[in-house]
C-alpha cells in the first residue's frame, strides 16, 4: 500500500477518493450501512437520542465506539460526508489496537490519507502505536520511516512490537538507532529492552542497558530495578542481581521472586 497525492494503491488498483468506499467493501468485506460487520458477533442496534434517528456523522462514530461497535463505527466512517476530525480518527485508531483489527486499522489509515490529512505528526504517531499493538510490522515500520521526526513514544512502540514478536536482537539494535536519532530513552524503553535481554539472555547487553539507565536517571524507578534484578538472575549473574537488590530501599513481587529463585 502506498500513497500518491490523494490516490491510493490497493491490490494493484489506483483509487481516487470517490472510489475507495466500493473497493474497501469489496476487499475488506465492509457491509452496507446498517449491516453488522462481524458476522459472528451480534450487535445491538444504534441507540436513538431524543427519539430522533442519529445521522451518519462524527457524533455517530463516537457513540458507536462508546458502545464498542467498532465495525459499525468504521462503516459510518466510510459513509460520512464531512472530513472527520483528528479526534475521531484517533478514537477509531485507539479502538483498533488488537491483532485481529489490523484490517480495520488499515481502513482508517487509508481513509484519513485519502482526505489529505497530515499523518506525519499526531496522527502518524497514533497510527504507529496502533499498528505496533496490532503486530502490524510492515505497516508500522513503513509509517515510522515516513515521520520527519520521531519521539520516545514512537520509538517505544516500535521496540515493544519487536519484543512482542520475539525479535529481541532486532529490538536491542533499534536502541542504538534511537540514540543516533537524538531521542532520549525513557523508563518504559529501558524496561522493554531489559526484558529482551532476559529472554535471550545476554549479560553484556544487560550491563550496557543498566549503565544507560543510570546515565538517563531511570534506574531509580522501582519497576526498572526489578527488571534489572530479574535480568541478572536469568543471565546467571547473581552477584550483579544482589548488588542491585541491596541498593534499592523498596522491593516488589518481581524482584523478591527473582532473588528467591
Protein backbone atom coordinates (compact mmCIF):
# COMPACT_ATOMS: atom_id res chain seq x y z
CA UNK A 1 0.00 0.00 0.00
CA UNK A 2 1.38 3.39 -0.93
CA UNK A 3 0.01 6.87 -1.39
CA UNK A 4 0.34 9.19 -4.36
CA UNK A 5 -1.27 12.54 -3.73
CA UNK A 6 -4.86 11.77 -2.87
CA UNK A 7 -4.87 8.44 -4.66
CA UNK A 8 -4.50 5.05 -3.05
CA UNK A 9 -2.79 2.00 -4.45
CA UNK A 10 -4.63 -1.10 -3.32
CA UNK A 11 -4.27 -4.62 -4.74
CA UNK A 12 -2.76 -3.16 -7.91
CA UNK A 13 -5.51 -0.58 -8.37
CA UNK A 14 -5.15 3.21 -8.26
CA UNK A 15 -8.20 4.55 -6.50
CA UNK A 16 -9.44 8.10 -6.23
CA UNK A 17 -11.23 9.17 -3.04
CA UNK A 18 -14.67 8.77 -4.57
CA UNK A 19 -13.88 5.15 -5.41
CA UNK A 20 -12.32 3.87 -2.22
CA UNK A 21 -15.57 3.01 -0.38
CA UNK A 22 -16.50 0.49 -3.05
CA UNK A 23 -13.04 -1.04 -3.01
CA UNK A 24 -12.98 -1.20 0.77
CA UNK A 25 -16.21 -3.16 0.81
CA UNK A 26 -15.02 -5.50 -1.93
CA UNK A 27 -11.63 -6.35 -0.46
CA UNK A 28 -12.27 -5.92 3.26
CA UNK A 29 -15.84 -7.24 3.48
CA UNK A 30 -17.27 -3.98 4.85
CA UNK A 31 -21.08 -4.39 4.73
CA UNK A 32 -23.62 -1.91 3.57
CA UNK A 33 -24.81 0.72 6.06
CA UNK A 34 -26.90 -0.81 8.84
CA UNK A 35 -25.44 -4.30 8.49
CA UNK A 36 -23.15 -5.88 11.05
CA UNK A 37 -19.50 -6.08 10.12
CA UNK A 38 -18.75 -9.05 12.39
CA UNK A 39 -20.78 -11.98 11.10
CA UNK A 40 -20.03 -13.99 14.24
CA UNK A 41 -20.93 -11.22 16.67
CA UNK A 42 -24.44 -9.99 17.34
CA UNK A 43 -24.52 -6.24 17.87
CA UNK A 44 -27.39 -4.22 19.24
CA UNK A 45 -28.98 -1.50 17.09
CA UNK A 46 -27.61 2.01 17.45
CA UNK A 47 -29.44 3.79 20.22
CA UNK A 48 -31.55 6.84 19.46
CA UNK A 49 -31.23 10.20 21.11
CA UNK A 50 -34.32 12.30 21.90
CA UNK A 51 -36.40 9.84 19.84
CA UNK A 52 -34.68 11.03 16.64
CA UNK A 53 -32.70 8.92 14.23
CA UNK A 54 -28.96 9.54 14.50
CA UNK A 55 -27.49 10.57 11.16
CA UNK A 56 -24.06 9.46 9.99
CA UNK A 57 -21.60 11.94 11.45
CA UNK A 58 -18.62 12.08 13.73
CA UNK A 59 -21.05 12.02 16.66
CA UNK A 60 -22.44 8.73 15.31
CA UNK A 61 -18.95 7.29 15.19
CA UNK A 62 -18.17 8.42 18.73
CA UNK A 63 -21.40 6.89 20.06
CA UNK A 64 -20.73 3.59 18.27
CA UNK A 65 -17.22 3.44 19.70
CA UNK A 66 -18.56 4.12 23.20
CA UNK A 67 -20.91 1.17 22.68
CA UNK A 68 -17.95 -0.98 21.49
CA UNK A 69 -19.38 -1.27 17.96
CA UNK A 70 -16.09 -0.80 16.10
CA UNK A 71 -17.26 -2.46 12.90
CA UNK A 72 -20.32 -0.22 12.57
CA UNK A 73 -18.25 2.84 13.50
CA UNK A 74 -15.95 2.14 10.55
CA UNK A 75 -18.97 1.52 8.33
CA UNK A 76 -20.19 5.00 9.33
CA UNK A 77 -16.74 6.44 8.65
CA UNK A 78 -16.88 5.19 5.07
CA UNK A 79 -20.21 6.97 4.51
CA UNK A 80 -19.61 10.23 6.34
CA UNK A 81 -19.97 13.28 4.10
CA UNK A 82 -17.68 15.58 6.09
CA UNK A 83 -13.99 15.09 6.75
CA UNK A 84 -13.75 13.62 10.26
CA UNK A 85 -11.76 15.43 12.91
CA UNK A 86 -8.35 14.33 14.13
CA UNK A 87 -10.04 13.30 17.38
CA UNK A 88 -12.43 11.00 15.51
CA UNK A 89 -9.57 9.27 13.70
CA UNK A 90 -7.66 9.00 16.98
CA UNK A 91 -10.62 7.36 18.71
CA UNK A 92 -11.03 4.90 15.85
CA UNK A 93 -7.34 4.00 15.85
CA UNK A 94 -7.32 3.58 19.61
CA UNK A 95 -10.22 1.10 19.29
CA UNK A 96 -8.31 -0.91 16.67
CA UNK A 97 -5.36 -1.83 18.90
CA UNK A 98 -5.67 -5.60 18.87
CA UNK A 99 -4.15 -8.06 16.42
CA UNK A 100 -7.44 -9.10 14.85
CA UNK A 101 -8.22 -5.47 13.98
CA UNK A 102 -5.34 -4.87 11.54
CA UNK A 103 -7.75 -4.79 8.54
CA UNK A 104 -9.88 -2.18 10.29
CA UNK A 105 -6.82 -0.11 11.22
CA UNK A 106 -5.81 -0.22 7.54
CA UNK A 107 -9.24 1.10 6.56
CA UNK A 108 -8.91 4.05 8.93
CA UNK A 109 -5.39 4.71 7.67
CA UNK A 110 -6.47 4.70 4.03
CA UNK A 111 -9.50 6.89 4.77
CA UNK A 112 -7.53 9.61 6.52
CA UNK A 113 -4.83 9.53 3.84
CA UNK A 114 -7.44 9.87 1.10
CA UNK A 115 -8.65 13.05 2.77
CA UNK A 116 -5.16 14.52 2.63
CA UNK A 117 -4.69 14.72 6.38
CA UNK A 118 -1.19 15.15 7.75
CA UNK A 119 -0.02 11.77 9.03
CA UNK A 120 3.46 12.93 9.95
CA UNK A 121 2.59 14.33 13.37
CA UNK A 122 -0.03 13.31 15.95
CA UNK A 123 -1.98 11.02 13.62
CA UNK A 124 1.21 9.43 12.33
CA UNK A 125 2.29 8.57 15.84
CA UNK A 126 -1.19 7.26 16.66
CA UNK A 127 -1.03 5.03 13.59
CA UNK A 128 2.36 3.66 14.62
CA UNK A 129 1.12 2.89 18.13
CA UNK A 130 -1.97 1.19 16.70
CA UNK A 131 -0.12 -0.97 14.17
CA UNK A 132 2.55 -1.81 16.76
CA UNK A 133 -0.07 -3.07 19.19
CA UNK A 134 -1.77 -4.96 16.35
CA UNK A 135 1.59 -6.59 15.47
CA UNK A 136 1.30 -4.98 12.03
CA UNK A 137 5.06 -4.94 11.48
CA UNK A 138 5.24 -3.81 7.86
CA UNK A 139 2.63 -1.07 8.33
CA UNK A 140 4.23 0.28 11.49
CA UNK A 141 7.75 0.30 10.03
CA UNK A 142 6.60 1.99 6.82
CA UNK A 143 4.89 4.78 8.76
CA UNK A 144 7.77 5.04 11.20
CA UNK A 145 10.27 5.80 8.44
CA UNK A 146 7.97 8.45 6.98
CA UNK A 147 7.85 10.54 10.14
CA UNK A 148 10.06 13.66 9.80
CA UNK A 149 10.92 13.34 13.49
CA UNK A 150 10.33 10.55 15.94
CA UNK A 151 9.60 10.81 19.65
CA UNK A 152 10.38 8.43 22.50
CA UNK A 153 6.75 7.28 22.27
CA UNK A 154 7.03 6.17 18.64
CA UNK A 155 10.40 4.52 19.33
CA UNK A 156 8.98 2.75 22.39
CA UNK A 157 6.07 1.44 20.30
CA UNK A 158 8.33 0.03 17.59
CA UNK A 159 10.76 -1.51 20.09
CA UNK A 160 7.92 -3.09 22.09
CA UNK A 161 6.43 -4.55 18.91
CA UNK A 162 9.71 -6.26 18.02
CA UNK A 163 9.95 -7.68 21.54
CA UNK A 164 6.34 -8.89 21.49
CA UNK A 165 7.15 -10.70 18.23
CA UNK A 166 10.15 -12.35 19.85
CA UNK A 167 12.66 -10.36 17.77
CA UNK A 168 14.86 -9.50 20.74
CA UNK A 169 18.16 -8.88 18.95
CA UNK A 170 16.45 -6.54 16.47
CA UNK A 171 14.84 -4.64 19.35
CA UNK A 172 18.23 -4.16 21.02
CA UNK A 173 19.73 -2.94 17.77
CA UNK A 174 16.95 -0.37 17.48
CA UNK A 175 18.13 1.20 20.74
CA UNK A 176 21.37 2.27 19.08
CA UNK A 177 19.40 3.67 16.16
CA UNK A 178 17.20 5.64 18.56
CA UNK A 179 20.25 7.27 20.15
CA UNK A 180 21.55 8.18 16.69
CA UNK A 181 18.14 9.77 16.08
CA UNK A 182 18.83 12.09 19.06
CA UNK A 183 15.90 10.68 21.02
CA UNK A 184 16.42 10.27 24.75
CA UNK A 185 15.24 6.92 26.16
CA UNK A 186 12.71 6.76 28.97
CA UNK A 187 11.93 4.23 31.69
CA UNK A 188 9.44 2.35 29.52
CA UNK A 189 12.02 1.79 26.79
CA UNK A 190 14.53 0.52 29.32
CA UNK A 191 12.02 -1.90 30.83
CA UNK A 192 11.22 -3.32 27.38
CA UNK A 193 14.86 -3.71 26.40
CA UNK A 194 15.96 -5.18 29.74
CA UNK A 195 13.21 -7.77 29.38
CA UNK A 196 14.55 -8.56 25.91
CA UNK A 197 17.95 -9.24 27.49
CA UNK A 198 16.28 -11.54 29.99
CA UNK A 199 14.69 -13.55 27.20
CA UNK A 200 17.87 -14.03 25.15
CA UNK A 201 19.64 -13.97 27.76
CA UNK A 202 22.52 -11.54 27.13
CA UNK A 203 24.52 -10.30 30.11
CA UNK A 204 26.72 -7.91 28.11
CA UNK A 205 23.74 -6.07 26.66
CA UNK A 206 22.09 -6.11 30.06
CA UNK A 207 25.06 -4.45 31.73
CA UNK A 208 25.17 -1.85 28.95
CA UNK A 209 21.49 -1.02 29.40
CA UNK A 210 21.97 -0.85 33.17
CA UNK A 211 24.68 1.78 32.64
CA UNK A 212 22.43 3.63 30.20
CA UNK A 213 19.55 3.62 32.69
CA UNK A 214 21.88 5.18 35.25
CA UNK A 215 23.04 7.76 32.70
CA UNK A 216 19.48 8.82 31.89
CA UNK A 217 18.32 8.80 35.55
CA UNK A 218 15.87 5.94 35.11
CA UNK A 219 17.42 3.39 37.44
CA UNK A 220 15.67 4.87 40.47
CA UNK A 221 12.31 3.64 39.15
CA UNK A 222 11.19 0.55 41.05
CA UNK A 223 9.98 -1.38 38.02
CA UNK A 224 13.26 -0.67 36.18
CA UNK A 225 15.36 -2.03 39.05
CA UNK A 226 13.03 -5.04 39.36
CA UNK A 227 13.61 -5.81 35.67
CA UNK A 228 17.35 -5.40 36.17
CA UNK A 229 17.35 -7.89 39.06
CA UNK A 230 15.29 -10.37 37.06
CA UNK A 231 17.59 -9.93 34.04
CA UNK A 232 20.77 -10.51 36.03
CA UNK A 233 19.33 -13.65 37.62
CA UNK A 234 18.27 -15.05 34.24
CA UNK A 235 21.70 -14.20 32.81
CA UNK A 236 23.30 -16.14 35.67
CA UNK A 237 24.94 -13.14 37.35
CA UNK A 238 23.66 -13.44 40.92
CA UNK A 239 26.33 -11.03 42.19
CA UNK A 240 25.02 -8.22 39.98
CA UNK A 241 21.46 -9.09 40.92
CA UNK A 242 22.31 -8.92 44.63
CA UNK A 243 24.09 -5.58 44.18
CA UNK A 244 21.04 -4.02 42.53
CA UNK A 245 18.74 -5.59 45.13
CA UNK A 246 20.81 -4.17 48.01
CA UNK A 247 20.81 -0.67 46.53
CA UNK A 248 17.01 -0.49 46.42
CA UNK A 249 15.08 0.53 49.53
CA UNK A 250 11.79 -0.90 48.27
CA UNK A 251 11.09 -4.18 46.52
CA UNK A 252 8.15 -5.55 44.61
CA UNK A 253 7.00 -9.10 43.94
CA UNK A 254 9.13 -9.35 40.78
CA UNK A 255 12.43 -8.54 42.50
CA UNK A 256 11.61 -10.68 45.56
CA UNK A 257 10.64 -13.69 43.45
CA UNK A 258 13.73 -13.29 41.29
CA UNK A 259 16.06 -13.32 44.30
CA UNK A 260 14.29 -16.31 45.88
CA UNK A 261 14.91 -18.34 42.74
